[in-house]
Protein backbone atom coordinates (compact mmCIF):
# COMPACT_ATOMS: atom_id res chain seq x y z
CA GLY A 1 27.44 24.41 -82.10
CA THR A 2 29.70 24.11 -79.07
CA ALA A 3 28.62 27.50 -77.71
CA PHE A 4 24.95 26.54 -77.96
CA PHE A 5 25.75 23.21 -76.26
CA GLN A 6 27.54 24.93 -73.39
CA LEU A 7 24.60 27.30 -72.98
CA GLY A 8 22.18 24.38 -72.87
CA ARG A 9 20.49 25.45 -76.09
CA LEU A 10 20.39 21.92 -77.44
CA SER A 11 17.95 22.38 -80.31
CA GLU A 12 20.12 25.17 -81.73
CA CYS A 13 23.21 23.06 -81.18
CA ARG A 14 21.61 20.18 -83.07
CA GLU A 15 20.85 22.47 -86.01
CA CYS A 16 24.46 23.73 -86.10
CA VAL A 17 25.80 20.18 -85.97
CA ARG A 18 23.39 19.09 -88.71
CA ARG A 19 24.51 21.96 -90.96
CA GLY A 20 28.16 21.34 -90.17
CA LEU A 21 27.90 17.66 -91.02
CA ALA A 22 26.17 18.53 -94.28
CA LEU A 23 29.20 20.67 -95.18
CA ALA A 24 31.87 18.37 -93.73
CA PRO A 25 30.49 14.83 -93.34
CA GLN A 26 33.86 13.40 -92.23
CA HIS A 27 34.47 15.97 -89.48
CA ALA A 28 35.20 13.82 -86.41
CA TYR A 29 34.61 16.59 -83.87
CA LEU A 30 31.10 17.22 -85.20
CA HIS A 31 30.29 13.50 -84.97
CA ASP A 32 31.65 13.49 -81.43
CA LEU A 33 29.55 16.53 -80.51
CA SER A 34 26.55 14.86 -82.12
CA GLY A 35 27.12 11.79 -79.93
CA THR A 36 27.34 13.95 -76.80
CA LEU A 37 24.23 15.87 -77.84
CA SER A 38 22.32 12.63 -78.48
CA LEU A 39 23.32 11.39 -75.03
CA CYS A 40 22.06 14.61 -73.41
CA LEU A 41 18.77 14.24 -75.26
CA GLY A 42 18.38 10.62 -74.11
CA GLU A 43 18.91 9.19 -77.60
CA MET A 44 21.20 6.35 -76.55
CA ASP A 45 21.18 4.40 -79.83
CA ALA A 46 22.06 7.54 -81.80
CA ALA A 47 24.85 8.34 -79.34
CA ILE A 48 26.26 4.82 -79.67
CA ALA A 49 26.14 5.01 -83.47
CA MET A 50 27.94 8.37 -83.53
CA TRP A 51 30.63 7.33 -81.07
CA GLN A 52 31.20 4.07 -82.94
CA ARG A 53 31.74 6.12 -86.07
CA VAL A 54 34.14 8.47 -84.28
CA THR A 55 36.11 5.75 -82.51
CA SER A 56 36.47 3.62 -85.63
CA ASN A 57 38.78 6.28 -87.10
CA HIS A 58 40.12 8.20 -84.09
CA ALA A 59 41.52 7.40 -80.65
CA TYR A 60 39.46 9.81 -78.57
CA PRO A 61 39.56 8.47 -75.01
CA ARG A 62 36.51 10.46 -73.94
CA ALA A 63 34.41 9.12 -76.81
CA LYS A 64 35.65 5.57 -76.22
CA VAL A 65 34.88 5.67 -72.49
CA GLN A 66 31.45 7.20 -73.01
CA LEU A 67 30.72 4.64 -75.70
CA ALA A 68 31.84 1.87 -73.33
CA GLN A 69 29.54 3.20 -70.60
CA LEU A 70 26.56 3.11 -72.95
CA LEU A 71 27.47 -0.36 -74.18
CA ILE A 72 27.66 -1.60 -70.59
CA GLY A 73 24.20 -0.18 -70.03
CA LYS A 74 22.95 -2.14 -73.02
CA GLY A 75 24.52 -5.37 -71.78
CA GLN A 76 27.35 -5.39 -74.35
CA ALA A 77 30.20 -5.85 -71.88
CA ALA A 78 32.59 -7.55 -74.33
CA GLN A 79 32.46 -4.67 -76.79
CA ALA A 80 32.75 -2.16 -73.92
CA ARG A 81 35.78 -4.02 -72.57
CA SER A 82 37.46 -3.74 -75.99
CA GLU A 83 36.98 0.04 -76.08
CA ILE A 84 38.25 0.40 -72.51
CA HIS A 85 41.34 -1.71 -73.08
CA GLU A 86 42.18 0.35 -76.16
CA VAL A 87 42.13 3.55 -74.10
CA ILE A 88 44.36 2.01 -71.45
CA ALA A 89 46.78 0.52 -74.00
CA ASP A 90 47.08 3.75 -76.02
CA ASP A 91 47.75 6.01 -73.03
CA PRO A 92 51.46 5.26 -72.45
CA HIS A 93 52.20 6.04 -76.11
CA ALA A 94 50.42 9.40 -76.21
CA PRO A 95 52.34 12.69 -76.03
CA GLY A 96 52.52 14.34 -72.62
CA PHE A 97 50.02 17.11 -73.39
CA GLN A 98 47.47 14.54 -74.54
CA ARG A 99 48.03 12.33 -71.50
CA ARG A 100 47.36 15.30 -69.23
CA ARG A 101 44.26 16.27 -71.18
CA ASP A 102 42.87 12.72 -71.23
CA ARG A 103 43.88 11.52 -67.77
CA VAL A 104 40.35 11.78 -66.37
CA TRP A 105 39.14 9.47 -69.15
CA VAL A 106 42.02 7.03 -68.70
CA ARG A 107 41.22 6.86 -64.97
CA GLN A 108 37.57 6.23 -65.80
CA ALA A 109 38.58 3.50 -68.27
CA LYS A 110 40.69 1.80 -65.59
CA LYS A 111 37.79 2.01 -63.14
CA LEU A 112 35.43 0.44 -65.68
CA ALA A 113 37.99 -2.27 -66.47
CA ARG A 114 38.13 -3.21 -62.78
CA GLN A 115 34.33 -3.29 -62.58
CA LEU A 116 34.05 -5.52 -65.64
CA GLY A 117 36.77 -7.84 -64.38
């Protein structure tokens, strides 16, 4: 599914994700990819639902920040603030490799936190 996504072949990506989730319904990466795919297709409510599912069980800064951005767009600033603060609070406790990988999302979370006040 990821290869199709990177190539911009979104309908084929969606089919791969659908099949993958049928085989492994708890697979967090597939739910995350489904959220990203829904966002690209303009399906904001579906993206929010997928990222809420992912972030309820996993601390993925990218998913949390993207979820927060969508929530802000829907006027749900309090819920967005909660997601953002979780990203910021978790960062100092993450291993070095993860901090390097996620630093762009932590910076974005801090920027959103300043904007929300």
